[in-house]
């Protein structure tokens, strides 16, 4: 039971910080921390591609700092 409680008290994973990458190979959206990269083809809606990041946890080790 202690294991379950400690897992519930852990902070959520950090959100992806998304950058747009333009290259001769095409356009991509990439997390600046964990480097997860998704294709951003011509005609694609930004929001549609960004929502794909939600199905992946950011594996970066950066910590979340709260504003007080």
N, C-alpha and C. Protein backbone atom coordinates (compact mmCIF):
# COMPACT_ATOMS: atom_id res chain seq x y z
N UNK A 1 0.81 -1.19 0.00
CA UNK A 1 0.00 0.00 0.00
C UNK A 1 0.86 1.26 0.00
N UNK A 2 2.01 1.23 0.67
CA UNK A 2 2.90 2.39 0.68
C UNK A 2 3.37 2.73 -0.72
N UNK A 3 3.62 1.69 -1.52
CA UNK A 3 4.08 1.91 -2.90
C UNK A 3 3.03 2.66 -3.71
N UNK A 4 1.77 2.29 -3.54
CA UNK A 4 0.69 2.93 -4.28
C UNK A 4 0.57 4.39 -3.86
N UNK A 5 0.66 4.65 -2.58
CA UNK A 5 0.53 6.02 -2.10
C UNK A 5 1.68 6.89 -2.58
N UNK A 6 2.90 6.36 -2.59
CA UNK A 6 4.03 7.16 -3.04
C UNK A 6 3.93 7.45 -4.54
N UNK A 7 3.39 6.52 -5.29
CA UNK A 7 3.22 6.75 -6.73
C UNK A 7 2.18 7.85 -6.96
N UNK A 8 1.13 7.88 -6.16
CA UNK A 8 0.10 8.89 -6.32
C UNK A 8 0.59 10.26 -5.90
N UNK A 9 1.57 10.34 -5.02
CA UNK A 9 2.09 11.61 -4.54
C UNK A 9 3.22 12.15 -5.42
N UNK A 10 3.65 11.39 -6.40
CA UNK A 10 4.75 11.85 -7.25
C UNK A 10 4.24 12.94 -8.19
N UNK A 11 5.11 13.90 -8.53
CA UNK A 11 4.68 14.98 -9.42
C UNK A 11 4.41 14.44 -10.82
N UNK A 12 3.55 15.11 -11.57
CA UNK A 12 3.30 14.66 -12.95
C UNK A 12 4.55 14.86 -13.79
N UNK A 13 4.66 14.11 -14.89
CA UNK A 13 5.83 14.31 -15.75
C UNK A 13 5.80 15.71 -16.34
N UNK A 14 6.97 16.25 -16.66
CA UNK A 14 6.99 17.62 -17.22
C UNK A 14 6.34 17.62 -18.60
N UNK A 15 5.70 18.72 -18.96
CA UNK A 15 5.11 18.81 -20.30
C UNK A 15 6.21 18.98 -21.35
N UNK A 16 5.89 18.62 -22.56
CA UNK A 16 6.83 18.83 -23.66
C UNK A 16 6.95 20.32 -23.95
N UNK A 17 8.17 20.78 -24.21
CA UNK A 17 8.41 22.15 -24.68
C UNK A 17 8.70 22.02 -26.17
N UNK A 18 7.76 22.41 -26.99
CA UNK A 18 7.79 22.11 -28.42
C UNK A 18 8.43 23.23 -29.24
N UNK A 19 9.32 22.83 -30.14
CA UNK A 19 9.97 23.74 -31.08
C UNK A 19 9.62 23.28 -32.50
N UNK A 20 9.60 24.22 -33.43
CA UNK A 20 9.40 23.89 -34.84
C UNK A 20 10.76 23.83 -35.51
N UNK A 21 11.04 22.72 -36.19
CA UNK A 21 12.31 22.51 -36.88
C UNK A 21 12.04 22.56 -38.38
N UNK A 22 12.77 23.41 -39.09
CA UNK A 22 12.67 23.50 -40.55
C UNK A 22 13.99 22.98 -41.13
N UNK A 23 13.91 22.05 -42.05
CA UNK A 23 15.12 21.51 -42.66
C UNK A 23 14.83 21.15 -44.11
N UNK A 24 15.88 20.84 -44.88
CA UNK A 24 15.65 20.41 -46.27
C UNK A 24 14.80 19.14 -46.36
N UNK A 25 14.78 18.35 -45.28
CA UNK A 25 13.99 17.11 -45.25
C UNK A 25 12.53 17.36 -44.94
N UNK A 26 12.19 18.56 -44.45
CA UNK A 26 10.80 18.87 -44.14
C UNK A 26 10.68 19.65 -42.84
N UNK A 27 9.43 19.74 -42.35
CA UNK A 27 9.17 20.45 -41.09
C UNK A 27 8.84 19.42 -40.02
N UNK A 28 9.28 19.71 -38.81
CA UNK A 28 9.07 18.79 -37.70
C UNK A 28 8.76 19.58 -36.44
N UNK A 29 8.04 18.96 -35.52
CA UNK A 29 7.87 19.49 -34.18
C UNK A 29 8.71 18.61 -33.27
N UNK A 30 9.49 19.24 -32.40
CA UNK A 30 10.41 18.48 -31.55
C UNK A 30 10.35 19.02 -30.13
N UNK A 31 10.32 18.10 -29.16
CA UNK A 31 10.42 18.50 -27.76
C UNK A 31 11.85 18.94 -27.50
N UNK A 32 12.01 20.14 -26.93
CA UNK A 32 13.34 20.69 -26.69
C UNK A 32 14.08 19.92 -25.60
N UNK A 33 13.37 19.15 -24.80
CA UNK A 33 14.01 18.45 -23.69
C UNK A 33 14.30 16.99 -23.99
N UNK A 34 13.28 16.24 -24.42
CA UNK A 34 13.50 14.80 -24.65
C UNK A 34 13.76 14.48 -26.12
N UNK A 35 13.63 15.47 -27.00
CA UNK A 35 13.93 15.35 -28.43
C UNK A 35 12.98 14.44 -29.19
N UNK A 36 11.80 14.15 -28.61
CA UNK A 36 10.77 13.44 -29.37
C UNK A 36 10.44 14.31 -30.58
N UNK A 37 10.45 13.72 -31.77
CA UNK A 37 10.24 14.47 -33.00
C UNK A 37 9.09 13.87 -33.79
N UNK A 38 8.18 14.74 -34.23
CA UNK A 38 7.05 14.32 -35.05
C UNK A 38 7.05 15.14 -36.33
N UNK A 39 6.67 14.51 -37.42
CA UNK A 39 6.58 15.18 -38.72
C UNK A 39 5.48 16.23 -38.68
N UNK A 40 5.72 17.37 -39.33
CA UNK A 40 4.75 18.46 -39.43
C UNK A 40 4.61 18.80 -40.91
N UNK A 41 3.91 17.93 -41.66
CA UNK A 41 3.83 18.10 -43.12
C UNK A 41 3.05 19.34 -43.53
N UNK A 42 3.32 19.80 -44.74
CA UNK A 42 2.57 20.94 -45.31
C UNK A 42 1.08 20.62 -45.25
N UNK A 43 0.31 21.60 -44.86
CA UNK A 43 -1.14 21.44 -44.80
C UNK A 43 -1.65 20.88 -43.48
N UNK A 44 -0.75 20.38 -42.65
CA UNK A 44 -1.17 19.82 -41.36
C UNK A 44 -1.48 20.95 -40.39
N UNK A 45 -2.46 20.75 -39.55
CA UNK A 45 -2.81 21.71 -38.52
C UNK A 45 -1.86 21.54 -37.34
N UNK A 46 -1.30 22.65 -36.86
CA UNK A 46 -0.35 22.61 -35.74
C UNK A 46 -0.96 21.87 -34.54
N UNK A 47 -2.18 22.22 -34.18
CA UNK A 47 -2.83 21.62 -33.01
C UNK A 47 -2.95 20.11 -33.16
N UNK A 48 -3.27 19.65 -34.35
CA UNK A 48 -3.42 18.21 -34.58
C UNK A 48 -2.11 17.48 -34.31
N UNK A 49 -1.00 18.04 -34.76
CA UNK A 49 0.29 17.40 -34.56
C UNK A 49 0.70 17.50 -33.08
N UNK A 50 0.49 18.67 -32.47
CA UNK A 50 0.86 18.86 -31.07
C UNK A 50 0.12 17.87 -30.16
N UNK A 51 -1.13 17.59 -30.47
CA UNK A 51 -1.90 16.65 -29.65
C UNK A 51 -1.26 15.26 -29.63
N UNK A 52 -0.50 14.92 -30.65
CA UNK A 52 0.18 13.63 -30.69
C UNK A 52 1.24 13.53 -29.59
N UNK A 53 1.77 14.67 -29.13
CA UNK A 53 2.76 14.65 -28.06
C UNK A 53 2.14 14.17 -26.75
N UNK A 54 0.83 14.39 -26.57
CA UNK A 54 0.18 14.02 -25.32
C UNK A 54 0.20 12.51 -25.07
N UNK A 55 0.33 11.71 -26.10
CA UNK A 55 0.35 10.27 -25.91
C UNK A 55 1.74 9.75 -25.54
N UNK A 56 2.72 10.65 -25.42
CA UNK A 56 4.08 10.30 -25.05
C UNK A 56 4.49 11.12 -23.83
N UNK A 57 5.06 10.47 -22.83
CA UNK A 57 5.57 11.19 -21.68
C UNK A 57 6.91 11.82 -22.03
N UNK A 58 7.15 13.02 -21.53
CA UNK A 58 8.45 13.65 -21.73
C UNK A 58 9.44 12.95 -20.82
N UNK A 59 10.48 12.41 -21.38
CA UNK A 59 11.46 11.63 -20.60
C UNK A 59 12.62 12.49 -20.14
N UNK A 60 12.46 13.80 -20.21
CA UNK A 60 13.56 14.68 -19.79
C UNK A 60 13.71 14.64 -18.29
N UNK A 61 14.90 14.95 -17.84
CA UNK A 61 15.18 14.96 -16.40
C UNK A 61 15.00 16.35 -15.80
N UNK A 62 14.56 17.33 -16.61
CA UNK A 62 14.40 18.68 -16.06
C UNK A 62 13.30 18.67 -15.01
N UNK A 63 13.47 19.49 -14.02
CA UNK A 63 12.48 19.52 -12.94
C UNK A 63 11.47 20.63 -13.19
N UNK A 64 10.32 20.48 -12.60
CA UNK A 64 9.28 21.47 -12.71
C UNK A 64 9.44 22.43 -11.53
N UNK A 65 9.53 23.71 -11.81
CA UNK A 65 9.61 24.68 -10.73
C UNK A 65 8.29 25.41 -10.69
N UNK A 66 7.75 25.57 -9.51
CA UNK A 66 6.45 26.24 -9.40
C UNK A 66 6.66 27.71 -9.08
N UNK A 67 5.79 28.53 -9.61
CA UNK A 67 5.83 29.96 -9.33
C UNK A 67 5.01 30.21 -8.07
N UNK A 68 5.59 30.93 -7.14
CA UNK A 68 4.88 31.23 -5.90
C UNK A 68 4.60 32.70 -5.82
